[in-house]
Amino acid sequence: MTDNTNATEDLELYDDAKAEFPSKYDLKDRLVAIWVTGKEGSRAGQEGKTYPWIETITLVLDDPEGKTGWDGMVKNEHGDMVETLVPPVEDEGPARLDNFQWSATGIVTRLQPRLKLKDKKTDAPIYRPMIGRINERRSTVRGRNNPWSIAEKTPEDLATIQKYADKIRAITAEVKATREGGSTSDTNDFE
């Protein structure tokens, strides 16, 4: 007779790794704060074309706009409903996605200048986040992927942003310290 007690206890030591990781589909219609880490690159896509990516810290500040109640499902790139990999903010607080690589043209275009952009008043690099709501629009060209972008924050979004202002300031200070290669306690980069 075999004792399965140890086998059961061993299974409680760990969770199986998943090959999936969050994507833009998990962020659709959600308010996010995006900090650039300073890393960027390009990779080969379909048909041999290359596309740029920018590494970020992306903080999810709310749940999908317009949804009533959390259902935990999102449409993926194939149009199938799948379980989201970003938990509900209402239940678990803001979700931080470290090393999140944005490659959607509408977002990369807005993030690239932040890698070299300087504050007009201080001539110092800008470390504060770009904040807005992730959206997808139907492509006007048949057969092309839908464009993804980030919409300006609304007056209603400001209350959510203020609710998490301390967390936003802390991440801004962290990004500044990392990009400058040192540490800082100055958190006045958040407006």
N, C-alpha and C. Protein backbone atom coordinates (compact mmCIF):
# COMPACT_ATOMS: atom_id res chain seq x y z
N MET A 1 0.84 -1.17 0.00
CA MET A 1 0.00 0.00 0.00
C MET A 1 0.89 1.25 0.00
N THR A 2 0.55 2.22 -0.84
CA THR A 2 1.32 3.45 -0.99
C THR A 2 0.69 4.57 -0.18
N ASP A 3 1.55 5.33 0.48
CA ASP A 3 1.06 6.47 1.27
C ASP A 3 1.04 7.71 0.38
N ASN A 4 -0.15 8.24 0.09
CA ASN A 4 -0.31 9.42 -0.76
C ASN A 4 -0.27 10.72 0.02
N THR A 5 -0.07 10.64 1.33
CA THR A 5 -0.06 11.85 2.15
C THR A 5 1.03 12.81 1.72
N ASN A 6 2.24 12.29 1.50
CA ASN A 6 3.35 13.15 1.08
C ASN A 6 3.10 13.77 -0.29
N ALA A 7 2.51 13.00 -1.20
CA ALA A 7 2.22 13.53 -2.53
C ALA A 7 1.22 14.68 -2.43
N THR A 8 0.21 14.56 -1.60
CA THR A 8 -0.77 15.63 -1.42
C THR A 8 -0.13 16.84 -0.79
N GLU A 9 0.70 16.63 0.22
CA GLU A 9 1.38 17.75 0.87
C GLU A 9 2.32 18.45 -0.11
N ASP A 10 3.00 17.69 -0.96
CA ASP A 10 3.90 18.29 -1.94
C ASP A 10 3.14 19.18 -2.92
N LEU A 11 1.94 18.80 -3.33
CA LEU A 11 1.14 19.60 -4.25
C LEU A 11 0.73 20.93 -3.64
N GLU A 12 0.68 21.00 -2.33
CA GLU A 12 0.31 22.24 -1.66
C GLU A 12 1.49 23.20 -1.54
N LEU A 13 2.67 22.77 -1.95
CA LEU A 13 3.86 23.62 -1.86
C LEU A 13 3.94 24.67 -2.97
N TYR A 14 3.27 24.44 -4.08
CA TYR A 14 3.47 25.32 -5.23
C TYR A 14 2.22 25.35 -6.11
N ASP A 15 2.19 26.34 -6.99
CA ASP A 15 1.20 26.43 -8.05
C ASP A 15 1.94 26.19 -9.37
N ASP A 16 1.26 25.59 -10.33
CA ASP A 16 1.87 25.39 -11.63
C ASP A 16 2.06 26.73 -12.33
N ALA A 17 3.17 26.87 -13.04
CA ALA A 17 3.43 28.09 -13.81
C ALA A 17 2.49 28.14 -15.00
N LYS A 18 2.15 29.35 -15.40
CA LYS A 18 1.31 29.55 -16.57
C LYS A 18 2.14 30.20 -17.66
N ALA A 19 1.87 29.82 -18.90
CA ALA A 19 2.58 30.39 -20.03
C ALA A 19 2.02 31.76 -20.40
N GLU A 20 0.78 32.04 -20.00
CA GLU A 20 0.14 33.30 -20.35
C GLU A 20 0.63 34.43 -19.44
N PHE A 21 0.55 35.63 -19.96
CA PHE A 21 0.83 36.81 -19.17
C PHE A 21 -0.15 37.89 -19.62
N PRO A 22 -0.38 38.91 -18.79
CA PRO A 22 -1.36 39.94 -19.16
C PRO A 22 -1.02 40.61 -20.48
N SER A 23 -2.06 41.01 -21.19
CA SER A 23 -1.88 41.70 -22.46
C SER A 23 -2.81 42.90 -22.50
N LYS A 24 -2.76 43.62 -23.61
CA LYS A 24 -3.62 44.79 -23.77
C LYS A 24 -5.09 44.42 -23.66
N TYR A 25 -5.44 43.18 -23.98
CA TYR A 25 -6.84 42.76 -23.89
C TYR A 25 -7.34 42.75 -22.45
N ASP A 26 -6.43 42.49 -21.51
CA ASP A 26 -6.79 42.51 -20.09
C ASP A 26 -6.97 43.94 -19.59
N LEU A 27 -6.51 44.92 -20.36
CA LEU A 27 -6.54 46.32 -19.93
C LEU A 27 -7.57 47.16 -20.66
N LYS A 28 -8.26 46.58 -21.63
CA LYS A 28 -9.24 47.33 -22.41
C LYS A 28 -10.29 47.97 -21.50
N ASP A 29 -10.56 49.25 -21.75
CA ASP A 29 -11.56 50.05 -21.03
C ASP A 29 -11.19 50.30 -19.57
N ARG A 30 -9.93 50.09 -19.20
CA ARG A 30 -9.50 50.33 -17.82
C ARG A 30 -8.62 51.57 -17.76
N LEU A 31 -8.71 52.28 -16.64
CA LEU A 31 -7.88 53.44 -16.39
C LEU A 31 -6.52 52.94 -15.92
N VAL A 32 -5.45 53.40 -16.58
CA VAL A 32 -4.11 52.94 -16.23
C VAL A 32 -3.14 54.12 -16.11
N ALA A 33 -2.12 53.92 -15.30
CA ALA A 33 -0.98 54.84 -15.23
C ALA A 33 0.20 54.07 -15.80
N ILE A 34 0.93 54.71 -16.73
CA ILE A 34 2.03 54.04 -17.41
C ILE A 34 3.32 54.84 -17.26
N TRP A 35 4.33 54.19 -16.66
CA TRP A 35 5.66 54.77 -16.52
C TRP A 35 6.59 54.06 -17.48
N VAL A 36 7.46 54.79 -18.19
CA VAL A 36 8.46 54.13 -19.02
C VAL A 36 9.67 53.81 -18.15
N THR A 37 10.21 52.61 -18.32
CA THR A 37 11.36 52.18 -17.52
C THR A 37 12.68 52.60 -18.16
N GLY A 38 12.63 53.01 -19.42
CA GLY A 38 13.85 53.37 -20.14
C GLY A 38 14.28 52.32 -21.13
N LYS A 39 13.65 51.16 -21.10
CA LYS A 39 14.01 50.08 -22.03
C LYS A 39 13.05 50.09 -23.22
N GLU A 40 13.61 49.91 -24.40
CA GLU A 40 12.82 49.83 -25.62
C GLU A 40 13.53 48.95 -26.62
N GLY A 41 12.83 48.54 -27.64
CA GLY A 41 13.43 47.70 -28.65
C GLY A 41 12.45 47.44 -29.77
N SER A 42 12.77 46.45 -30.59
CA SER A 42 11.86 46.04 -31.66
C SER A 42 11.99 44.53 -31.83
N ARG A 43 10.94 43.95 -32.37
CA ARG A 43 10.97 42.52 -32.64
C ARG A 43 10.23 42.24 -33.94
N ALA A 44 10.51 41.09 -34.51
CA ALA A 44 9.88 40.71 -35.77
C ALA A 44 8.44 40.29 -35.51
N GLY A 45 7.57 40.78 -36.34
CA GLY A 45 6.16 40.41 -36.27
C GLY A 45 5.80 39.51 -37.42
N GLN A 46 4.53 39.50 -37.73
CA GLN A 46 4.06 38.69 -38.85
C GLN A 46 4.57 39.28 -40.16
N GLU A 47 4.74 38.45 -41.12
CA GLU A 47 5.18 38.83 -42.46
C GLU A 47 6.53 39.52 -42.46
N GLY A 48 7.36 39.26 -41.44
CA GLY A 48 8.72 39.78 -41.40
C GLY A 48 8.85 41.25 -41.04
N LYS A 49 7.76 41.94 -40.79
CA LYS A 49 7.84 43.35 -40.41
C LYS A 49 8.24 43.45 -38.95
N THR A 50 9.01 44.48 -38.63
CA THR A 50 9.38 44.69 -37.23
C THR A 50 8.45 45.74 -36.63
N TYR A 51 8.30 45.66 -35.32
CA TYR A 51 7.50 46.66 -34.62
C TYR A 51 8.20 47.00 -33.31
N PRO A 52 8.07 48.26 -32.88
CA PRO A 52 8.74 48.69 -31.66
C PRO A 52 7.95 48.30 -30.41
N TRP A 53 8.66 48.19 -29.30
CA TRP A 53 8.03 47.98 -28.00
C TRP A 53 8.73 48.86 -26.98
N ILE A 54 8.00 49.20 -25.93
CA ILE A 54 8.55 49.99 -24.83
C ILE A 54 8.17 49.29 -23.54
N GLU A 55 9.17 49.09 -22.68
CA GLU A 55 8.92 48.45 -21.39
C GLU A 55 8.40 49.49 -20.40
N THR A 56 7.41 49.09 -19.60
CA THR A 56 6.79 50.00 -18.67
C THR A 56 6.48 49.33 -17.34
N ILE A 57 6.12 50.15 -16.39
CA ILE A 57 5.36 49.71 -15.23
C ILE A 57 3.97 50.24 -15.51
N THR A 58 3.00 49.38 -15.58
CA THR A 58 1.62 49.79 -15.84
C THR A 58 0.79 49.47 -14.61
N LEU A 59 0.14 50.48 -14.07
CA LEU A 59 -0.69 50.32 -12.88
C LEU A 59 -2.15 50.45 -13.29
N VAL A 60 -2.91 49.38 -13.08
CA VAL A 60 -4.33 49.36 -13.42
C VAL A 60 -5.10 49.96 -12.26
N LEU A 61 -5.82 51.06 -12.52
CA LEU A 61 -6.45 51.84 -11.46
C LEU A 61 -7.93 51.56 -11.26
N ASP A 62 -8.58 50.93 -12.24
CA ASP A 62 -10.00 50.60 -12.07
C ASP A 62 -10.36 49.39 -12.91
N ASP A 63 -11.60 48.99 -12.79
CA ASP A 63 -12.10 47.84 -13.54
C ASP A 63 -12.67 48.33 -14.87
N PRO A 64 -12.95 47.42 -15.81
CA PRO A 64 -13.42 47.85 -17.13
C PRO A 64 -14.61 48.79 -17.05
N GLU A 65 -14.50 49.90 -17.77
CA GLU A 65 -15.55 50.89 -17.79
C GLU A 65 -16.81 50.31 -18.43
N GLY A 66 -17.94 50.62 -17.84
CA GLY A 66 -19.21 50.19 -18.40
C GLY A 66 -19.66 48.80 -17.98
N LYS A 67 -18.80 48.04 -17.30
CA LYS A 67 -19.19 46.71 -16.83
C LYS A 67 -19.87 46.84 -15.48
N THR A 68 -20.92 46.10 -15.30
CA THR A 68 -21.57 46.06 -13.99
C THR A 68 -21.24 44.74 -13.36
N GLY A 69 -20.48 44.79 -12.29
CA GLY A 69 -20.05 43.56 -11.64
C GLY A 69 -18.87 42.96 -12.36
N TRP A 70 -18.06 42.25 -11.63
CA TRP A 70 -16.85 41.66 -12.20
C TRP A 70 -17.17 40.28 -12.74
N ASP A 71 -16.90 40.04 -14.02
CA ASP A 71 -17.14 38.71 -14.58
C ASP A 71 -15.83 37.97 -14.84
N GLY A 72 -14.71 38.70 -14.85
CA GLY A 72 -13.42 38.04 -14.99
C GLY A 72 -13.10 37.52 -16.38
N MET A 73 -13.88 37.91 -17.38
CA MET A 73 -13.65 37.42 -18.74
C MET A 73 -13.36 38.59 -19.68
N VAL A 74 -12.47 38.36 -20.65
CA VAL A 74 -12.15 39.36 -21.68
C VAL A 74 -12.06 38.65 -23.02
N LYS A 75 -12.23 39.42 -24.09
CA LYS A 75 -12.01 38.86 -25.43
C LYS A 75 -10.53 38.93 -25.74
N ASN A 76 -9.98 37.84 -26.25
CA ASN A 76 -8.56 37.83 -26.63
C ASN A 76 -8.40 38.23 -28.09
N GLU A 77 -7.19 38.13 -28.61
CA GLU A 77 -6.91 38.55 -29.98
C GLU A 77 -7.67 37.76 -31.03
N HIS A 78 -8.20 36.58 -30.67
CA HIS A 78 -8.96 35.75 -31.61
C HIS A 78 -10.46 35.96 -31.47
N GLY A 79 -10.86 36.83 -30.52
CA GLY A 79 -12.28 37.07 -30.28
C GLY A 79 -12.92 36.08 -29.33
N ASP A 80 -12.12 35.18 -28.76
CA ASP A 80 -12.64 34.20 -27.80
C ASP A 80 -12.68 34.82 -26.41
N MET A 81 -13.67 34.43 -25.61
CA MET A 81 -13.75 34.89 -24.23
C MET A 81 -12.81 34.02 -23.39
N VAL A 82 -11.91 34.66 -22.66
CA VAL A 82 -10.95 33.97 -21.80
C VAL A 82 -10.91 34.66 -20.45
N GLU A 83 -10.39 33.95 -19.46
CA GLU A 83 -10.27 34.53 -18.12
C GLU A 83 -9.20 35.62 -18.13
N THR A 84 -9.52 36.77 -17.55
CA THR A 84 -8.55 37.86 -17.50
C THR A 84 -7.43 37.53 -16.52
N LEU A 85 -6.26 38.05 -16.82
CA LEU A 85 -5.10 37.81 -15.97
C LEU A 85 -4.83 39.00 -15.04
N VAL A 86 -5.68 40.02 -15.10
CA VAL A 86 -5.57 41.17 -14.20
C VAL A 86 -6.77 41.14 -13.26
N PRO A 87 -6.53 41.00 -11.97
CA PRO A 87 -7.63 40.86 -11.01
C PRO A 87 -8.44 42.15 -10.87
N PRO A 88 -9.63 42.05 -10.28
CA PRO A 88 -10.47 43.24 -10.11
C PRO A 88 -9.86 44.22 -9.10
N VAL A 89 -9.76 45.46 -9.50
CA VAL A 89 -9.21 46.50 -8.63
C VAL A 89 -10.12 46.72 -7.43
N GLU A 90 -11.42 46.65 -7.67
CA GLU A 90 -12.37 46.89 -6.58
C GLU A 90 -12.16 45.92 -5.42
N ASP A 91 -11.78 44.69 -5.72
CA ASP A 91 -11.57 43.67 -4.68
C ASP A 91 -10.14 43.65 -4.15
N GLU A 92 -9.15 43.85 -5.03
CA GLU A 92 -7.76 43.62 -4.67
C GLU A 92 -6.87 44.86 -4.74
N GLY A 93 -7.44 46.01 -5.09
CA GLY A 93 -6.65 47.23 -5.22
C GLY A 93 -5.97 47.28 -6.58
N PRO A 94 -5.24 48.37 -6.86
CA PRO A 94 -4.58 48.53 -8.15
C PRO A 94 -3.65 47.36 -8.47
N ALA A 95 -3.68 46.94 -9.72
CA ALA A 95 -2.82 45.84 -10.17
C ALA A 95 -1.59 46.42 -10.85
N ARG A 96 -0.42 46.06 -10.34
CA ARG A 96 0.84 46.55 -10.90
C ARG A 96 1.42 45.50 -11.84
N LEU A 97 1.68 45.93 -13.08
CA LEU A 97 2.27 45.04 -14.08
C LEU A 97 3.69 45.53 -14.36
N ASP A 98 4.67 44.86 -13.78
CA ASP A 98 6.08 45.21 -13.98
C ASP A 98 6.58 44.64 -15.30
N ASN A 99 7.49 45.36 -15.95
CA ASN A 99 8.10 44.94 -17.21
C ASN A 99 7.07 44.69 -18.31
N PHE A 100 5.95 45.41 -18.25
CA PHE A 100 4.90 45.26 -19.25
C PHE A 100 5.35 45.95 -20.52
N GLN A 101 5.38 45.21 -21.63
CA GLN A 101 5.84 45.76 -22.89
C GLN A 101 4.66 46.16 -23.76
N TRP A 102 4.57 47.45 -24.04
CA TRP A 102 3.55 47.96 -24.94
C TRP A 102 4.10 47.93 -26.35
N SER A 103 3.31 47.41 -27.30
CA SER A 103 3.71 47.43 -28.70
C SER A 103 2.61 47.99 -29.59
N ALA A 104 1.44 48.29 -29.04
CA ALA A 104 0.36 48.89 -29.82
C ALA A 104 0.83 50.27 -30.28
N THR A 105 0.76 50.52 -31.57
CA THR A 105 1.30 51.75 -32.16
C THR A 105 0.78 53.01 -31.49
N GLY A 106 -0.52 53.07 -31.21
CA GLY A 106 -1.10 54.27 -30.62
C GLY A 106 -0.53 54.59 -29.25
N ILE A 107 -0.12 53.57 -28.52
CA ILE A 107 0.44 53.79 -27.19
C ILE A 107 1.95 54.00 -27.28
N VAL A 108 2.64 53.21 -28.09
CA VAL A 108 4.08 53.39 -28.27
C VAL A 108 4.39 54.80 -28.76
N THR A 109 3.59 55.31 -29.68
CA THR A 109 3.79 56.65 -30.21
C THR A 109 3.73 57.70 -29.11
N ARG A 110 2.86 57.49 -28.13
CA ARG A 110 2.74 58.44 -27.02
C ARG A 110 3.82 58.25 -25.96
N LEU A 111 4.33 57.02 -25.85
CA LEU A 111 5.34 56.75 -24.82
C LEU A 111 6.77 57.09 -25.27
N GLN A 112 7.08 56.91 -26.54
CA GLN A 112 8.46 57.13 -27.02
C GLN A 112 9.02 58.50 -26.64
N PRO A 113 8.28 59.58 -26.80
CA PRO A 113 8.85 60.88 -26.41
C PRO A 113 9.19 60.97 -24.92
N ARG A 114 8.50 60.18 -24.09
CA ARG A 114 8.75 60.23 -22.65
C ARG A 114 10.12 59.66 -22.28
N LEU A 115 10.74 58.92 -23.19
CA LEU A 115 12.07 58.39 -22.94
C LEU A 115 13.12 59.50 -22.93
N LYS A 116 12.86 60.56 -23.69
CA LYS A 116 13.84 61.65 -23.81
C LYS A 116 13.26 63.01 -23.44
N LEU A 117 11.97 63.06 -23.20
CA LEU A 117 11.27 64.33 -22.92
C LEU A 117 11.80 64.99 -21.66
N LYS A 118 11.91 66.29 -21.71
CA LYS A 118 12.38 67.07 -20.55
C LYS A 118 11.26 67.98 -20.07
N ASP A 119 11.22 68.19 -18.76
CA ASP A 119 10.28 69.12 -18.16
C ASP A 119 10.70 70.53 -18.58
N LYS A 120 9.76 71.31 -19.09
CA LYS A 120 10.08 72.66 -19.59
C LYS A 120 10.59 73.57 -18.48
N LYS A 121 10.11 73.37 -17.25
CA LYS A 121 10.50 74.24 -16.14
C LYS A 121 11.88 73.89 -15.58
N THR A 122 12.18 72.61 -15.48
CA THR A 122 13.40 72.18 -14.79
C THR A 122 14.46 71.59 -15.71
N ASP A 123 14.10 71.30 -16.96
CA ASP A 123 14.99 70.65 -17.92
C ASP A 123 15.43 69.26 -17.45
N ALA A 124 14.68 68.69 -16.52
CA ALA A 124 14.97 67.34 -16.01
C ALA A 124 14.08 66.34 -16.77
N PRO A 125 14.52 65.09 -16.87
CA PRO A 125 13.69 64.07 -17.51
C PRO A 125 12.34 63.94 -16.80
N ILE A 126 11.34 63.54 -17.56
CA ILE A 126 10.00 63.36 -16.99
C ILE A 126 9.84 61.90 -16.59
N TYR A 127 9.57 61.69 -15.32
CA TYR A 127 9.40 60.33 -14.80
C TYR A 127 7.95 60.02 -14.46
N ARG A 128 7.11 61.03 -14.35
CA ARG A 128 5.72 60.81 -13.95
C ARG A 128 4.99 60.00 -15.04
N PRO A 129 3.89 59.38 -14.67
CA PRO A 129 3.21 58.50 -15.62
C PRO A 129 2.30 59.24 -16.59
N MET A 130 1.99 58.57 -17.67
CA MET A 130 0.91 58.97 -18.55
C MET A 130 -0.32 58.22 -18.04
N ILE A 131 -1.42 58.92 -17.85
CA ILE A 131 -2.63 58.28 -17.31
C ILE A 131 -3.79 58.48 -18.28
N GLY A 132 -4.50 57.40 -18.56
CA GLY A 132 -5.67 57.45 -19.43
C GLY A 132 -6.34 56.09 -19.48
N ARG A 133 -7.35 55.98 -20.30
CA ARG A 133 -8.13 54.75 -20.42
C ARG A 133 -7.79 54.05 -21.73
N ILE A 134 -7.42 52.77 -21.64
CA ILE A 134 -7.05 51.98 -22.82
C ILE A 134 -8.28 51.72 -23.67
N ASN A 135 -8.16 51.98 -24.96
CA ASN A 135 -9.30 51.74 -25.84
C ASN A 135 -8.86 51.08 -27.14
N GLU A 136 -9.83 50.51 -27.80
CA GLU A 136 -9.63 49.85 -29.09
C GLU A 136 -10.70 50.40 -30.03
N ARG A 137 -10.29 50.72 -31.24
CA ARG A 137 -11.27 51.20 -32.23
C ARG A 137 -11.30 50.23 -33.40
N ARG A 138 -12.42 50.15 -34.02
CA ARG A 138 -12.55 49.29 -35.20
C ARG A 138 -11.71 49.86 -36.33
N SER A 139 -10.94 49.00 -36.98
CA SER A 139 -10.10 49.42 -38.09
C SER A 139 -10.96 49.85 -39.27
N THR A 140 -10.56 50.94 -39.90
CA THR A 140 -11.28 51.40 -41.09
C THR A 140 -10.78 50.70 -42.35
N VAL A 141 -9.68 49.94 -42.23
CA VAL A 141 -9.12 49.22 -43.37
C VAL A 141 -9.41 47.73 -43.18
N ARG A 142 -10.17 47.18 -44.10
CA ARG A 142 -10.56 45.77 -44.01
C ARG A 142 -9.32 44.87 -43.96
N GLY A 143 -9.33 43.91 -43.02
CA GLY A 143 -8.26 42.94 -42.89
C GLY A 143 -7.12 43.38 -41.98
N ARG A 144 -7.16 44.61 -41.51
CA ARG A 144 -6.10 45.09 -40.60
C ARG A 144 -6.55 44.97 -39.16
N ASN A 145 -5.57 44.87 -38.28
CA ASN A 145 -5.88 44.81 -36.85
C ASN A 145 -6.46 46.13 -36.38
N ASN A 146 -7.32 46.04 -35.36
CA ASN A 146 -7.88 47.25 -34.78
C ASN A 146 -6.79 48.05 -34.09
N PRO A 147 -6.81 49.38 -34.23
CA PRO A 147 -5.82 50.20 -33.53
C PRO A 147 -6.17 50.33 -32.04
N TRP A 148 -5.14 50.33 -31.21
CA TRP A 148 -5.27 50.49 -29.77
C TRP A 148 -4.63 51.81 -29.38
N SER A 149 -5.22 52.47 -28.39
CA SER A 149 -4.68 53.74 -27.95
C SER A 149 -5.05 53.97 -26.49
N ILE A 150 -4.82 55.18 -26.04
CA ILE A 150 -5.15 55.57 -24.68
C ILE A 150 -5.89 56.90 -24.76
N ALA A 151 -7.07 56.93 -24.14
CA ALA A 151 -7.89 58.13 -24.16
C ALA A 151 -7.53 59.03 -22.98
N GLU A 152 -7.78 60.33 -23.17
CA GLU A 152 -7.53 61.28 -22.08
C GLU A 152 -8.41 60.94 -20.89
N LYS A 153 -7.88 61.26 -19.72
CA LYS A 153 -8.66 61.02 -18.50
C LYS A 153 -9.86 61.96 -18.47
N THR A 154 -10.92 61.51 -17.83
CA THR A 154 -12.13 62.32 -17.70
C THR A 154 -12.17 62.95 -16.32
N PRO A 155 -13.04 63.93 -16.10
CA PRO A 155 -13.18 64.48 -14.75
C PRO A 155 -13.53 63.41 -13.71
N GLU A 156 -14.29 62.40 -14.12
CA GLU A 156 -14.64 61.31 -13.20
C GLU A 156 -13.40 60.48 -12.85
N ASP A 157 -12.47 60.36 -13.79
CA ASP A 157 -11.25 59.60 -13.54
C ASP A 157 -10.35 60.27 -12.50
N LEU A 158 -10.46 61.60 -12.38
CA LEU A 158 -9.61 62.32 -11.44
C LEU A 158 -9.80 61.85 -10.00
N ALA A 159 -11.03 61.51 -9.64
CA ALA A 159 -11.28 61.01 -8.28
C ALA A 159 -10.56 59.70 -8.05
N THR A 160 -10.54 58.84 -9.04
CA THR A 160 -9.83 57.56 -8.94
C THR A 160 -8.33 57.81 -8.83
N ILE A 161 -7.82 58.72 -9.63
CA ILE A 161 -6.39 59.04 -9.61
C ILE A 161 -6.00 59.57 -8.23
N GLN A 162 -6.78 60.47 -7.68
CA GLN A 162 -6.48 61.03 -6.36
C GLN A 162 -6.54 59.97 -5.27
N LYS A 163 -7.43 59.01 -5.44
CA LYS A 163 -7.56 57.91 -4.47
C LYS A 163 -6.24 57.14 -4.34
N TYR A 164 -5.50 57.03 -5.43
CA TYR A 164 -4.25 56.27 -5.45
C TYR A 164 -3.02 57.16 -5.62
N ALA A 165 -3.14 58.45 -5.29
CA ALA A 165 -2.06 59.41 -5.48
C ALA A 165 -0.78 59.00 -4.77
N ASP A 166 -0.87 58.47 -3.54
CA ASP A 166 0.33 58.06 -2.81
C ASP A 166 1.06 56.93 -3.53
N LYS A 167 0.31 55.98 -4.06
CA LYS A 167 0.91 54.86 -4.80
C LYS A 167 1.56 55.37 -6.08
N ILE A 168 0.90 56.31 -6.76
CA ILE A 168 1.45 56.89 -7.99
C ILE A 168 2.74 57.65 -7.68
N ARG A 169 2.75 58.42 -6.61
CA ARG A 169 3.97 59.14 -6.22
C ARG A 169 5.11 58.17 -5.91
N ALA A 170 4.80 57.10 -5.20
CA ALA A 170 5.83 56.12 -4.83
C ALA A 170 6.44 55.46 -6.06
N ILE A 171 5.61 55.08 -7.03
CA ILE A 171 6.13 54.44 -8.24
C ILE A 171 6.93 55.45 -9.06
N THR A 172 6.48 56.69 -9.10
CA THR A 172 7.23 57.74 -9.81
C THR A 172 8.63 57.89 -9.21
N ALA A 173 8.72 57.92 -7.88
CA ALA A 173 10.02 58.03 -7.21
C ALA A 173 10.89 56.80 -7.51
N GLU A 174 10.26 55.64 -7.53
CA GLU A 174 10.98 54.40 -7.84
C GLU A 174 11.54 54.43 -9.26
N VAL A 175 10.72 54.85 -10.22
CA VAL A 175 11.16 54.93 -11.62
C VAL A 175 12.29 55.95 -11.76
N LYS A 176 12.14 57.09 -11.10
CA LYS A 176 13.19 58.11 -11.16
C LYS A 176 14.50 57.56 -10.61
N ALA A 177 14.44 56.90 -9.46
CA ALA A 177 15.65 56.34 -8.86
C ALA A 177 16.29 55.28 -9.76
N THR A 178 15.47 54.44 -10.34
CA THR A 178 15.98 53.38 -11.22
C THR A 178 16.61 53.96 -12.47
N ARG A 179 15.94 54.91 -13.09
CA ARG A 179 16.46 55.48 -14.34
C ARG A 179 17.69 56.35 -14.12
N GLU A 180 17.79 56.94 -12.93
CA GLU A 180 18.97 57.76 -12.62
C GLU A 180 20.08 56.94 -12.00
N GLY A 181 19.78 55.68 -11.66
CA GLY A 181 20.79 54.80 -11.11
C GLY A 181 21.10 55.06 -9.65
N GLY A 182 20.19 55.67 -8.94
CA GLY A 182 20.40 55.96 -7.51
C GLY A 182 19.10 55.84 -6.75
N SER A 183 19.02 56.48 -5.62
CA SER A 183 17.79 56.48 -4.86
C SER A 183 17.37 57.91 -4.60
N THR A 184 16.07 58.09 -4.39
CA THR A 184 15.54 59.43 -4.13
C THR A 184 14.32 59.34 -3.25
N SER A 185 14.10 60.38 -2.49
CA SER A 185 12.89 60.45 -1.70
C SER A 185 12.00 61.57 -2.21
N ASP A 186 12.45 62.24 -3.28
CA ASP A 186 11.68 63.33 -3.85
C ASP A 186 10.54 62.77 -4.68
N THR A 187 9.31 63.07 -4.29
CA THR A 187 8.15 62.55 -4.99
C THR A 187 7.32 63.65 -5.60
N ASN A 188 7.92 64.78 -5.91
CA ASN A 188 7.17 65.91 -6.45
C ASN A 188 6.99 65.84 -7.96
N ASP A 189 7.33 64.72 -8.59
CA ASP A 189 7.19 64.60 -10.04
C ASP A 189 5.75 64.36 -10.46
N PHE A 190 4.88 64.02 -9.53
CA PHE A 190 3.48 63.75 -9.87
C PHE A 190 2.69 65.04 -9.88
N GLU A 191 1.96 65.27 -10.94
CA GLU A 191 1.12 66.48 -11.02
C GLU A 191 -0.31 66.08 -10.83
